[in-house]
Amino acid sequence: MPYLLRAPDGRVTAVAEEVNAASMEGWESVSEESDEYRVFLENQLSLSDAFRESDIHMARVLEDLIDLLIVKDVIHFMDLPEPARKRLLERQAMRKSHLSQLVDDDKDGLI
């Protein structure tokens, strides 16, 4: 059975599947069908999705930054740790493959 923790204004601030008997203060048990419980979980999922999407964009920024630093000879590719080099090479191969598929798809166009 889920438990809700509320702020003084009544907003749900946390949910838990289990609550230790010693720390029950402030927690209230609710049904899994509770609208407040479901809305809180949906909001948390939305927030997680936003962070995940932001992480994806930030990873792309870091890839581009590393490429720029290498091109400008600020850092050397071989100075990076081996797992980082491997990951960067994998990502470059994936990007090239994706770009070549886009170009191949364009060859079948009308013009």
PDB file of N, CA and C in Angstrom:
ATOM      1  N   MET A   1       0.843  -1.171   0.000  1.00  0.00           N
ATOM      2  CA  MET A   1       0.000   0.000   0.000  1.00  0.00           C
ATOM      3  C   MET A   1       0.892   1.238   0.000  1.00  0.00           C
ATOM      4  N   PRO A   2       0.632   2.204  -0.881  1.00  0.00           N
ATOM      5  CA  PRO A   2       1.463   3.404  -0.939  1.00  0.00           C
ATOM      6  C   PRO A   2       1.160   4.384   0.199  1.00  0.00           C
ATOM      7  N   TYR A   3       2.140   5.228   0.446  1.00  0.00           N
ATOM      8  CA  TYR A   3       2.021   6.256   1.478  1.00  0.00           C
ATOM      9  C   TYR A   3       2.361   7.606   0.860  1.00  0.00           C
ATOM     10  N   LEU A   4       1.677   8.647   1.307  1.00  0.00           N
ATOM     11  CA  LEU A   4       1.925  10.014   0.857  1.00  0.00           C
ATOM     12  C   LEU A   4       2.478  10.836   2.007  1.00  0.00           C
ATOM     13  N   LEU A   5       3.346  11.771   1.669  1.00  0.00           N
ATOM     14  CA  LEU A   5       3.837  12.750   2.630  1.00  0.00           C
ATOM     15  C   LEU A   5       3.429  14.113   2.090  1.00  0.00           C
ATOM     16  N   ARG A   6       2.826  14.923   2.932  1.00  0.00           N
ATOM     17  CA  ARG A   6       2.312  16.217   2.489  1.00  0.00           C
ATOM     18  C   ARG A   6       3.097  17.372   3.107  1.00  0.00           C
ATOM     19  N   ALA A   7       3.135  18.465   2.354  1.00  0.00           N
ATOM     20  CA  ALA A   7       3.672  19.726   2.865  1.00  0.00           C
ATOM     21  C   ALA A   7       2.591  20.368   3.735  1.00  0.00           C
ATOM     22  N   PRO A   8       2.952  21.373   4.521  1.00  0.00           N
ATOM     23  CA  PRO A   8       1.945  22.045   5.357  1.00  0.00           C
ATOM     24  C   PRO A   8       0.751  22.587   4.563  1.00  0.00           C
ATOM     25  N   ASP A   9       0.970  22.936   3.290  1.00  0.00           N
ATOM     26  CA  ASP A   9      -0.136  23.462   2.480  1.00  0.00           C
ATOM     27  C   ASP A   9      -0.994  22.357   1.861  1.00  0.00           C
ATOM     28  N   GLY A  10      -0.664  21.085   2.140  1.00  0.00           N
ATOM     29  CA  GLY A  10      -1.474  19.970   1.655  1.00  0.00           C
ATOM     30  C   GLY A  10      -0.972  19.309   0.387  1.00  0.00           C
ATOM     31  N   ARG A  11       0.034  19.925  -0.258  1.00  0.00           N
ATOM     32  CA  ARG A  11       0.599  19.317  -1.472  1.00  0.00           C
ATOM     33  C   ARG A  11       1.314  18.019  -1.128  1.00  0.00           C
ATOM     34  N   VAL A  12       1.212  17.049  -2.034  1.00  0.00           N
ATOM     35  CA  VAL A  12       1.958  15.799  -1.872  1.00  0.00           C
ATOM     36  C   VAL A  12       3.404  16.077  -2.260  1.00  0.00           C
ATOM     37  N   THR A  13       4.334  15.775  -1.364  1.00  0.00           N
ATOM     38  CA  THR A  13       5.748  16.048  -1.621  1.00  0.00           C
ATOM     39  C   THR A  13       6.573  14.786  -1.814  1.00  0.00           C
ATOM     40  N   ALA A  14       6.020  13.642  -1.404  1.00  0.00           N
ATOM     41  CA  ALA A  14       6.752  12.385  -1.560  1.00  0.00           C
ATOM     42  C   ALA A  14       5.776  11.224  -1.479  1.00  0.00           C
ATOM     43  N   VAL A  15       6.174  10.123  -2.101  1.00  0.00           N
ATOM     44  CA  VAL A  15       5.414   8.879  -1.985  1.00  0.00           C
ATOM     45  C   VAL A  15       6.385   7.767  -1.642  1.00  0.00           C
ATOM     46  N   ALA A  16       5.868   6.729  -1.010  1.00  0.00           N
ATOM     47  CA  ALA A  16       6.687   5.568  -0.669  1.00  0.00           C
ATOM     48  C   ALA A  16       5.803   4.336  -0.700  1.00  0.00           C
ATOM     49  N   GLU A  17       6.408   3.226  -1.071  1.00  0.00           N
ATOM     50  CA  GLU A  17       5.680   1.957  -1.056  1.00  0.00           C
ATOM     51  C   GLU A  17       5.596   1.396   0.355  1.00  0.00           C
ATOM     52  N   GLU A  18       6.632   1.673   1.143  1.00  0.00           N
ATOM     53  CA  GLU A  18       6.671   1.195   2.525  1.00  0.00           C
ATOM     54  C   GLU A  18       7.208   2.308   3.409  1.00  0.00           C
ATOM     55  N   VAL A  19       6.736   2.345   4.623  1.00  0.00           N
ATOM     56  CA  VAL A  19       7.238   3.320   5.588  1.00  0.00           C
ATOM     57  C   VAL A  19       7.553   2.580   6.877  1.00  0.00           C
ATOM     58  N   ASN A  20       8.729   2.810   7.392  1.00  0.00           N
ATOM     59  CA  ASN A  20       9.170   2.225   8.650  1.00  0.00           C
ATOM     60  C   ASN A  20       8.264   2.721   9.776  1.00  0.00           C
ATOM     61  N   ALA A  21       7.858   1.838  10.644  1.00  0.00           N
ATOM     62  CA  ALA A  21       6.959   2.201  11.745  1.00  0.00           C
ATOM     63  C   ALA A  21       7.524   3.341  12.588  1.00  0.00           C
ATOM     64  N   ALA A  22       8.836   3.405  12.704  1.00  0.00           N
ATOM     65  CA  ALA A  22       9.462   4.453  13.505  1.00  0.00           C
ATOM     66  C   ALA A  22       9.400   5.815  12.819  1.00  0.00           C
ATOM     67  N   SER A  23       9.206   5.812  11.503  1.00  0.00           N
ATOM     68  CA  SER A  23       9.192   7.089  10.778  1.00  0.00           C
ATOM     69  C   SER A  23       7.844   7.362  10.115  1.00  0.00           C
ATOM     70  N   MET A  24       6.773   6.888  10.709  1.00  0.00           N
ATOM     71  CA  MET A  24       5.427   7.043  10.147  1.00  0.00           C
ATOM     72  C   MET A  24       4.891   8.468  10.251  1.00  0.00           C
ATOM     73  N   GLU A  25       5.498   9.289  11.106  1.00  0.00           N
ATOM     74  CA  GLU A  25       4.954  10.622  11.338  1.00  0.00           C
ATOM     75  C   GLU A  25       4.867  11.420  10.036  1.00  0.00           C
ATOM     76  N   GLY A  26       3.684  11.898   9.733  1.00  0.00           N
ATOM     77  CA  GLY A  26       3.469  12.707   8.539  1.00  0.00           C
ATOM     78  C   GLY A  26       3.032  11.914   7.326  1.00  0.00           C
ATOM     79  N   TRP A  27       3.250  10.623   7.338  1.00  0.00           N
ATOM     80  CA  TRP A  27       2.882   9.778   6.201  1.00  0.00           C
ATOM     81  C   TRP A  27       1.447   9.289   6.375  1.00  0.00           C
ATOM     82  N   GLU A  28       0.721   9.209   5.267  1.00  0.00           N
ATOM     83  CA  GLU A  28      -0.633   8.657   5.311  1.00  0.00           C
ATOM     84  C   GLU A  28      -0.766   7.583   4.240  1.00  0.00           C
ATOM     85  N   SER A  29      -1.417   6.509   4.590  1.00  0.00           N
ATOM     86  CA  SER A  29      -1.610   5.434   3.614  1.00  0.00           C
ATOM     87  C   SER A  29      -2.771   5.801   2.696  1.00  0.00           C
ATOM     88  N   VAL A  30      -2.620   5.431   1.413  1.00  0.00           N
ATOM     89  CA  VAL A  30      -3.664   5.692   0.419  1.00  0.00           C
ATOM     90  C   VAL A  30      -3.793   4.478  -0.484  1.00  0.00           C
ATOM     91  N   SER A  31      -4.859   4.422  -1.213  1.00  0.00           N
ATOM     92  CA  SER A  31      -5.072   3.359  -2.189  1.00  0.00           C
ATOM     93  C   SER A  31      -4.187   3.609  -3.409  1.00  0.00           C
ATOM     94  N   GLU A  32      -3.808   2.542  -4.090  1.00  0.00           N
ATOM     95  CA  GLU A  32      -3.038   2.699  -5.326  1.00  0.00           C
ATOM     96  C   GLU A  32      -3.855   3.396  -6.402  1.00  0.00           C
ATOM     97  N   GLU A  33      -5.170   3.412  -6.243  1.00  0.00           N
ATOM     98  CA  GLU A  33      -6.045   4.088  -7.192  1.00  0.00           C
ATOM     99  C   GLU A  33      -6.252   5.560  -6.838  1.00  0.00           C
ATOM    100  N   SER A  34      -5.649   6.021  -5.766  1.00  0.00           N
ATOM    101  CA  SER A  34      -5.789   7.413  -5.330  1.00  0.00           C
ATOM    102  C   SER A  34      -5.334   8.362  -6.436  1.00  0.00           C
ATOM    103  N   ASP A  35      -6.167   9.355  -6.735  1.00  0.00           N
ATOM    104  CA  ASP A  35      -5.812  10.336  -7.764  1.00  0.00           C
ATOM    105  C   ASP A  35      -4.536  11.089  -7.400  1.00  0.00           C
ATOM    106  N   GLU A  36      -4.402  11.469  -6.138  1.00  0.00           N
ATOM    107  CA  GLU A  36      -3.208  12.203  -5.713  1.00  0.00           C
ATOM    108  C   GLU A  36      -1.944  11.370  -5.914  1.00  0.00           C
ATOM    109  N   TYR A  37      -2.037  10.098  -5.598  1.00  0.00           N
ATOM    110  CA  TYR A  37      -0.899   9.189  -5.762  1.00  0.00           C
ATOM    111  C   TYR A  37      -0.521   9.086  -7.235  1.00  0.00           C
ATOM    112  N   ARG A  38      -1.503   8.858  -8.083  1.00  0.00           N
ATOM    113  CA  ARG A  38      -1.240   8.709  -9.521  1.00  0.00           C
ATOM    114  C   ARG A  38      -0.698   9.995 -10.135  1.00  0.00           C
ATOM    115  N   VAL A  39      -1.290  11.132  -9.781  1.00  0.00           N
ATOM    116  CA  VAL A  39      -0.828  12.413 -10.323  1.00  0.00           C
ATOM    117  C   VAL A  39       0.621  12.672  -9.917  1.00  0.00           C
ATOM    118  N   PHE A  40       0.956  12.398  -8.659  1.00  0.00           N
ATOM    119  CA  PHE A  40       2.330  12.598  -8.200  1.00  0.00           C
ATOM    120  C   PHE A  40       3.293  11.735  -9.014  1.00  0.00           C
ATOM    121  N   LEU A  41       2.954  10.460  -9.208  1.00  0.00           N
ATOM    122  CA  LEU A  41       3.825   9.564  -9.976  1.00  0.00           C
ATOM    123  C   LEU A  41       3.953  10.022 -11.422  1.00  0.00           C
ATOM    124  N   GLU A  42       2.862  10.443 -12.035  1.00  0.00           N
ATOM    125  CA  GLU A  42       2.911  10.930 -13.416  1.00  0.00           C
ATOM    126  C   GLU A  42       3.800  12.164 -13.525  1.00  0.00           C
ATOM    127  N   ASN A  43       3.699  13.072 -12.557  1.00  0.00           N
ATOM    128  CA  ASN A  43       4.548  14.264 -12.565  1.00  0.00           C
ATOM    129  C   ASN A  43       6.019  13.895 -12.420  1.00  0.00           C
ATOM    130  N   GLN A  44       6.312  12.917 -11.579  1.00  0.00           N
ATOM    131  CA  GLN A  44       7.693  12.472 -11.399  1.00  0.00           C
ATOM    132  C   GLN A  44       8.232  11.865 -12.693  1.00  0.00           C
ATOM    133  N   LEU A  45       7.401  11.092 -13.391  1.00  0.00           N
ATOM    134  CA  LEU A  45       7.826  10.505 -14.661  1.00  0.00           C
ATOM    135  C   LEU A  45       8.095  11.587 -15.692  1.00  0.00           C
ATOM    136  N   SER A  46       7.247  12.601 -15.744  1.00  0.00           N
ATOM    137  CA  SER A  46       7.462  13.713 -16.672  1.00  0.00           C
ATOM    138  C   SER A  46       8.772  14.419 -16.374  1.00  0.00           C
ATOM    139  N   LEU A  47       9.026  14.640 -15.103  1.00  0.00           N
ATOM    140  CA  LEU A  47      10.265  15.287 -14.700  1.00  0.00           C
ATOM    141  C   LEU A  47      11.466  14.423 -15.078  1.00  0.00           C
ATOM    142  N   SER A  48      11.360  13.111 -14.863  1.00  0.00           N
ATOM    143  CA  SER A  48      12.438  12.192 -15.232  1.00  0.00           C
ATOM    144  C   SER A  48      12.681  12.226 -16.730  1.00  0.00           C
ATOM    145  N   ASP A  49      11.606  12.261 -17.520  1.00  0.00           N
ATOM    146  CA  ASP A  49      11.745  12.328 -18.972  1.00  0.00           C
ATOM    147  C   ASP A  49      12.451  13.616 -19.389  1.00  0.00           C
ATOM    148  N   ALA A  50      12.111  14.721 -18.745  1.00  0.00           N
ATOM    149  CA  ALA A  50      12.745  15.999 -19.067  1.00  0.00           C
ATOM    150  C   ALA A  50      14.240  15.946 -18.753  1.00  0.00           C
ATOM    151  N   PHE A  51      14.605  15.379 -17.606  1.00  0.00           N
ATOM    152  CA  PHE A  51      16.021  15.249 -17.262  1.00  0.00           C
ATOM    153  C   PHE A  51      16.738  14.327 -18.244  1.00  0.00           C
ATOM    154  N   ARG A  52      16.087  13.235 -18.613  1.00  0.00           N
ATOM    155  CA  ARG A  52      16.691  12.293 -19.549  1.00  0.00           C
ATOM    156  C   ARG A  52      16.947  12.980 -20.896  1.00  0.00           C
ATOM    157  N   GLU A  53      15.977  13.738 -21.373  1.00  0.00           N
ATOM    158  CA  GLU A  53      16.149  14.439 -22.645  1.00  0.00           C
ATOM    159  C   GLU A  53      17.253  15.482 -22.537  1.00  0.00           C
ATOM    160  N   SER A  54      17.296  16.191 -21.422  1.00  0.00           N
ATOM    161  CA  SER A  54      18.350  17.170 -21.202  1.00  0.00           C
ATOM    162  C   SER A  54      19.721  16.489 -21.180  1.00  0.00           C
ATOM    163  N   ASP A  55      19.816  15.322 -20.542  1.00  0.00           N
ATOM    164  CA  ASP A  55      21.072  14.570 -20.505  1.00  0.00           C
ATOM    165  C   ASP A  55      21.527  14.184 -21.907  1.00  0.00           C
ATOM    166  N   ILE A  56      20.588  13.797 -22.752  1.00  0.00           N
ATOM    167  CA  ILE A  56      20.919  13.421 -24.127  1.00  0.00           C
ATOM    168  C   ILE A  56      21.506  14.618 -24.865  1.00  0.00           C
ATOM    169  N   HIS A  57      20.864  15.781 -24.708  1.00  0.00           N
ATOM    170  CA  HIS A  57      21.370  16.986 -25.372  1.00  0.00           C
ATOM    171  C   HIS A  57      22.730  17.392 -24.811  1.00  0.00           C
ATOM    172  N   MET A  58      22.898  17.257 -23.507  1.00  0.00           N
ATOM    173  CA  MET A  58      24.171  17.620 -22.896  1.00  0.00           C
ATOM    174  C   MET A  58      25.284  16.684 -23.372  1.00  0.00           C
ATOM    175  N   ALA A  59      24.980  15.419 -23.549  1.00  0.00           N
ATOM    176  CA  ALA A  59      25.980  14.470 -24.061  1.00  0.00           C
ATOM    177  C   ALA A  59      26.442  14.903 -25.445  1.00  0.00           C
ATOM    178  N   ARG A  60      25.512  15.347 -26.276  1.00  0.00           N
ATOM    179  CA  ARG A  60      25.864  15.805 -27.622  1.00  0.00           C
ATOM    180  C   ARG A  60      26.756  17.048 -27.544  1.00  0.00           C
ATOM    181  N   VAL A  61      26.437  17.964 -26.636  1.00  0.00           N
ATOM    182  CA  VAL A  61      27.260  19.160 -26.449  1.00  0.00           C
ATOM    183  C   VAL A  61      28.674  18.754 -26.040  1.00  0.00           C
ATOM    184  N   LEU A  62      28.791  17.811 -25.118  1.00  0.00           N
ATOM    185  CA  LEU A  62      30.114  17.371 -24.670  1.00  0.00           C
ATOM    186  C   LEU A  62      30.895  16.698 -25.791  1.00  0.00           C
ATOM    187  N   GLU A  63      30.220  15.892 -26.606  1.00  0.00           N
ATOM    188  CA  GLU A  63      30.893  15.273 -27.754  1.00  0.00           C
ATOM    189  C   GLU A  63      31.454  16.341 -28.679  1.00  0.00           C
ATOM    190  N   ASP A  64      30.627  17.334 -28.991  1.00  0.00           N
ATOM    191  CA  ASP A  64      31.067  18.407 -29.885  1.00  0.00           C
ATOM    192  C   ASP A  64      32.200  19.216 -29.265  1.00  0.00           C
ATOM    193  N   LEU A  65      32.122  19.465 -27.964  1.00  0.00           N
ATOM    194  CA  LEU A  65      33.176  20.201 -27.273  1.00  0.00           C
ATOM    195  C   LEU A  65      34.491  19.427 -27.308  1.00  0.00           C
ATOM    196  N   ILE A  66      34.441  18.138 -27.056  1.00  0.00           N
ATOM    197  CA  ILE A  66      35.654  17.310 -27.102  1.00  0.00           C
ATOM    198  C   ILE A  66      36.240  17.320 -28.507  1.00  0.00           C
ATOM    199  N   ASP A  67      35.388  17.180 -29.523  1.00  0.00           N
ATOM    200  CA  ASP A  67      35.866  17.236 -30.910  1.00  0.00           C
ATOM    201  C   ASP A  67      36.558  18.570 -31.191  1.00  0.00           C
ATOM    202  N   LEU A  68      35.950  19.668 -30.749  1.00  0.00           N
ATOM    203  CA  LEU A  68      36.527  20.992 -30.970  1.00  0.00           C
ATOM    204  C   LEU A  68      37.876  21.130 -30.268  1.00  0.00           C
ATOM    205  N   LEU A  69      37.967  20.670 -29.030  1.00  0.00           N
ATOM    206  CA  LEU A  69      39.229  20.759 -28.294  1.00  0.00           C
ATOM    207  C   LEU A  69      40.325  19.932 -28.957  1.00  0.00           C
ATOM    208  N   ILE A  70      39.956  18.816 -29.548  1.00  0.00           N
ATOM    209  CA  ILE A  70      40.936  17.987 -30.258  1.00  0.00           C
ATOM    210  C   ILE A  70      41.378  18.682 -31.540  1.00  0.00           C
ATOM    211  N   VAL A  71      40.417  19.209 -32.300  1.00  0.00           N
ATOM    212  CA  VAL A  71      40.742  19.905 -33.555  1.00  0.00           C
ATOM    213  C   VAL A  71      41.633  21.115 -33.282  1.00  0.00           C
ATOM    214  N   LYS A  72      41.364  21.843 -32.214  1.00  0.00           N
ATOM    215  CA  LYS A  72      42.157  23.031 -31.858  1.00  0.00           C
ATOM    216  C   LYS A  72      43.473  22.653 -31.173  1.00  0.00           C
ATOM    217  N   ASP A  73      43.718  21.368 -31.024  1.00  0.00           N
ATOM    218  CA  ASP A  73      44.944  20.847 -30.421  1.00  0.00           C
ATOM    219  C   ASP A  73      45.115  21.288 -28.959  1.00  0.00           C
ATOM    220  N   VAL A  74      43.987  21.463 -28.280  1.00  0.00           N
ATOM    221  CA  VAL A  74      44.019  21.783 -26.856  1.00  0.00           C
ATOM    222  C   VAL A  74      44.216  20.501 -26.056  1.00  0.00           C
ATOM    223  N   ILE A  75      43.580  19.430 -26.502  1.00  0.00           N
ATOM    224  CA  ILE A  75      43.777  18.110 -25.913  1.00  0.00           C
ATOM    225  C   ILE A  75      44.076  17.134 -27.041  1.00  0.00           C
ATOM    226  N   HIS A  76      44.635  16.006 -26.695  1.00  0.00           N
ATOM    227  CA  HIS A  76      44.917  14.959 -27.674  1.00  0.00           C
ATOM    228  C   HIS A  76      44.005  13.771 -27.392  1.00  0.00           C
ATOM    229  N   PHE A  77      43.498  13.196 -28.453  1.00  0.00           N
ATOM    230  CA  PHE A  77      42.573  12.072 -28.331  1.00  0.00           C
ATOM    231  C   PHE A  77      43.169  10.974 -27.462  1.00  0.00           C
ATOM    232  N   MET A  78      44.446  10.678 -27.648  1.00  0.00           N
ATOM    233  CA  MET A  78      45.085   9.589 -26.908  1.00  0.00           C
ATOM    234  C   MET A  78      45.284   9.921 -25.429  1.00  0.00           C
ATOM    235  N   ASP A  79      45.126  11.186 -25.047  1.00  0.00           N
ATOM    236  CA  ASP A  79      45.213  11.557 -23.630  1.00  0.00           C
ATOM    237  C   ASP A  79      43.946  11.182 -22.864  1.00  0.00           C
ATOM    238  N   LEU A  80      42.866  10.936 -23.589  1.00  0.00           N
ATOM    239  CA  LEU A  80      41.613  10.546 -22.942  1.00  0.00           C
ATOM    240  C   LEU A  80      41.725   9.114 -22.435  1.00  0.00           C
ATOM    241  N   PRO A  81      41.018   8.786 -21.380  1.00  0.00           N
ATOM    242  CA  PRO A  81      41.021   7.395 -20.903  1.00  0.00           C
ATOM    243  C   PRO A  81      40.484   6.462 -21.988  1.00  0.00           C
ATOM    244  N   GLU A  82      40.986   5.256 -22.012  1.00  0.00           N
ATOM    245  CA  GLU A  82      40.606   4.286 -23.054  1.00  0.00           C
ATOM    246  C   GLU A  82      39.095   4.090 -23.157  1.00  0.00           C
ATOM    247  N   PRO A  83      38.358   3.957 -22.046  1.00  0.00           N
ATOM    248  CA  PRO A  83      36.898   3.805 -22.183  1.00  0.00           C
ATOM    249  C   PRO A  83      36.238   5.024 -22.843  1.00  0.00           C
ATOM    250  N   ALA A  84      36.769   6.219 -22.566  1.00  0.00           N
ATOM    251  CA  ALA A  84      36.221   7.431 -23.189  1.00  0.00           C
ATOM    252  C   ALA A  84      36.513   7.434 -24.683  1.00  0.00           C
ATOM    253  N   ARG A  85      37.733   7.048 -25.065  1.00  0.00           N
ATOM    254  CA  ARG A  85      38.072   6.980 -26.499  1.00  0.00           C
ATOM    255  C   ARG A  85      37.167   5.993 -27.213  1.00  0.00           C
ATOM    256  N   LYS A  86      36.968   4.832 -26.591  1.00  0.00           N
ATOM    257  CA  LYS A  86      36.122   3.801 -27.191  1.00  0.00           C
ATOM    258  C   LYS A  86      34.703   4.322 -27.391  1.00  0.00           C
ATOM    259  N   ARG A  87      34.159   4.967 -26.361  1.00  0.00           N
ATOM    260  CA  ARG A  87      32.793   5.481 -26.430  1.00  0.00           C
ATOM    261  C   ARG A  87      32.669   6.567 -27.502  1.00  0.00           C
ATOM    262  N   LEU A  88      33.647   7.458 -27.571  1.00  0.00           N
ATOM    263  CA  LEU A  88      33.611   8.516 -28.582  1.00  0.00           C
ATOM    264  C   LEU A  88      33.676   7.934 -29.992  1.00  0.00           C
ATOM    265  N   LEU A  89      34.524   6.934 -30.194  1.00  0.00           N
ATOM    266  CA  LEU A  89      34.611   6.305 -31.515  1.00  0.00           C
ATOM    267  C   LEU A  89      33.304   5.603 -31.881  1.00  0.00           C
ATOM    268  N   GLU A  90      32.681   4.947 -30.904  1.00  0.00           N
ATOM    269  CA  GLU A  90      31.382   4.305 -31.154  1.00  0.00           C
ATOM    270  C   GLU A  90      30.341   5.337 -31.557  1.00  0.00           C
ATOM    271  N   ARG A  91      30.298   6.456 -30.841  1.00  0.00           N
ATOM    272  CA  ARG A  91      29.321   7.509 -31.139  1.00  0.00           C
ATOM    273  C   ARG A  91      29.584   8.116 -32.515  1.00  0.00           C
ATOM    274  N   GLN A  92      30.855   8.329 -32.874  1.00  0.00           N
ATOM    275  CA  GLN A  92      31.175   8.870 -34.195  1.00  0.00           C
ATOM    276  C   GLN A  92      30.719   7.917 -35.286  1.00  0.00           C
ATOM    277  N   ALA A  93      30.936   6.623 -35.088  1.00  0.00           N
ATOM    278  CA  ALA A  93      30.508   5.628 -36.076  1.00  0.00           C
ATOM    279  C   ALA A  93      28.986   5.627 -36.203  1.00  0.00           C
ATOM    280  N   MET A  94      28.291   5.731 -35.080  1.00  0.00           N
ATOM    281  CA  MET A  94      26.826   5.771 -35.119  1.00  0.00           C
ATOM    282  C   MET A  94      26.333   7.010 -35.856  1.00  0.00           C
ATOM    283  N   ARG A  95      26.952   8.147 -35.599  1.00  0.00           N
ATOM    284  CA  ARG A  95      26.544   9.385 -36.271  1.00  0.00           C
ATOM    285  C   ARG A  95      26.788   9.293 -37.772  1.00  0.00           C
ATOM    286  N   LYS A  96      27.968   8.767 -38.162  1.00  0.00           N
ATOM    287  CA  LYS A  96      28.267   8.618 -39.591  1.00  0.00           C
ATOM    288  C   LYS A  96      27.264   7.699 -40.260  1.00  0.00           C
ATOM    289  N   SER A  97      26.956   6.601 -39.605  1.00  0.00           N
ATOM    290  CA  SER A  97      25.991   5.646 -40.152  1.00  0.00           C
ATOM    291  C   SER A  97      24.628   6.304 -40.317  1.00  0.00           C
ATOM    292  N   HIS A  98      24.212   7.036 -39.322  1.00  0.00           N
ATOM    293  CA  HIS A  98      22.910   7.712 -39.371  1.00  0.00           C
ATOM    294  C   HIS A  98      22.892   8.751 -40.490  1.00  0.00           C
ATOM    295  N   LEU A  99      23.972   9.533 -40.605  1.00  0.00           N
ATOM    296  CA  LEU A  99      24.033  10.548 -41.656  1.00  0.00           C
ATOM    297  C   LEU A  99      24.039   9.921 -43.040  1.00  0.00           C
ATOM    298  N   SER A 100      24.756   8.806 -43.204  1.00  0.00           N
ATOM    299  CA  SER A 100      24.792   8.160 -44.518  1.00  0.00           C
ATOM    300  C   SER A 100      23.427   7.594 -44.879  1.00  0.00           C
ATOM    301  N   GLN A 101      22.667   7.134 -43.893  1.00  0.00           N
ATOM    302  CA  GLN A 101      21.310   6.657 -44.165  1.00  0.00           C
ATOM    303  C   GLN A 101      20.420   7.806 -44.613  1.00  0.00           C
ATOM    304  N   LEU A 102      20.608   8.976 -44.021  1.00  0.00           N
ATOM    305  CA  LEU A 102      19.820  10.139 -44.432  1.00  0.00           C
ATOM    306  C   LEU A 102      20.135  10.518 -45.869  1.00  0.00           C
ATOM    307  N   VAL A 103      21.413  10.459 -46.244  1.00  0.00           N
ATOM    308  CA  VAL A 103      21.819  10.777 -47.610  1.00  0.00           C
ATOM    309  C   VAL A 103      21.278   9.732 -48.570  1.00  0.00           C
ATOM    310  N   ASP A 104      21.352   8.450 -48.206  1.00  0.00           N
ATOM    311  CA  ASP A 104      20.818   7.384 -49.055  1.00  0.00           C
ATOM    312  C   ASP A 104      19.320   7.532 -49.246  1.00  0.00           C
ATOM    313  N   ASP A 105      18.605   7.899 -48.201  1.00  0.00           N
ATOM    314  CA  ASP A 105      17.162   8.100 -48.304  1.00  0.00           C
ATOM    315  C   ASP A 105      16.841   9.228 -49.261  1.00  0.00           C
ATOM    316  N   ASP A 106      17.692  10.254 -49.290  1.00  0.00           N
ATOM    317  CA  ASP A 106      17.452  11.410 -50.142  1.00  0.00           C
ATOM    318  C   ASP A 106      17.631  11.067 -51.616  1.00  0.00           C
ATOM    319  N   LYS A 107      18.438  10.049 -51.947  1.00  0.00           N
ATOM    320  CA  LYS A 107      18.672   9.656 -53.340  1.00  0.00           C
ATOM    321  C   LYS A 107      17.408   9.144 -54.003  1.00  0.00           C
ATOM    322  N   ASP A 108      16.484   8.639 -53.217  1.00  0.00           N
ATOM    323  CA  ASP A 108      15.234   8.119 -53.762  1.00  0.00           C
ATOM    324  C   ASP A 108      14.189   9.213 -53.923  1.00  0.00           C
ATOM    325  N   GLY A 109      14.562  10.464 -53.724  1.00  0.00           N
ATOM    326  CA  GLY A 109      13.609  11.570 -53.792  1.00  0.00           C
ATOM    327  C   GLY A 109      13.113  11.810 -55.208  1.00  0.00           C
ATOM    328  N   LEU A 110      12.233  12.765 -55.350  1.00  0.00           N
ATOM    329  CA  LEU A 110      11.625  13.077 -56.636  1.00  0.00           C
ATOM    330  C   LEU A 110      12.540  13.886 -57.531  1.00  0.00           C
ATOM    331  N   ILE A 111      13.444  14.634 -56.961  1.00  0.00           N
ATOM    332  CA  ILE A 111      14.299  15.513 -57.772  1.00  0.00           C
ATOM    333  C   ILE A 111      15.617  14.849 -58.062  1.00  0.00           C
TER     334      ILE A 111
END
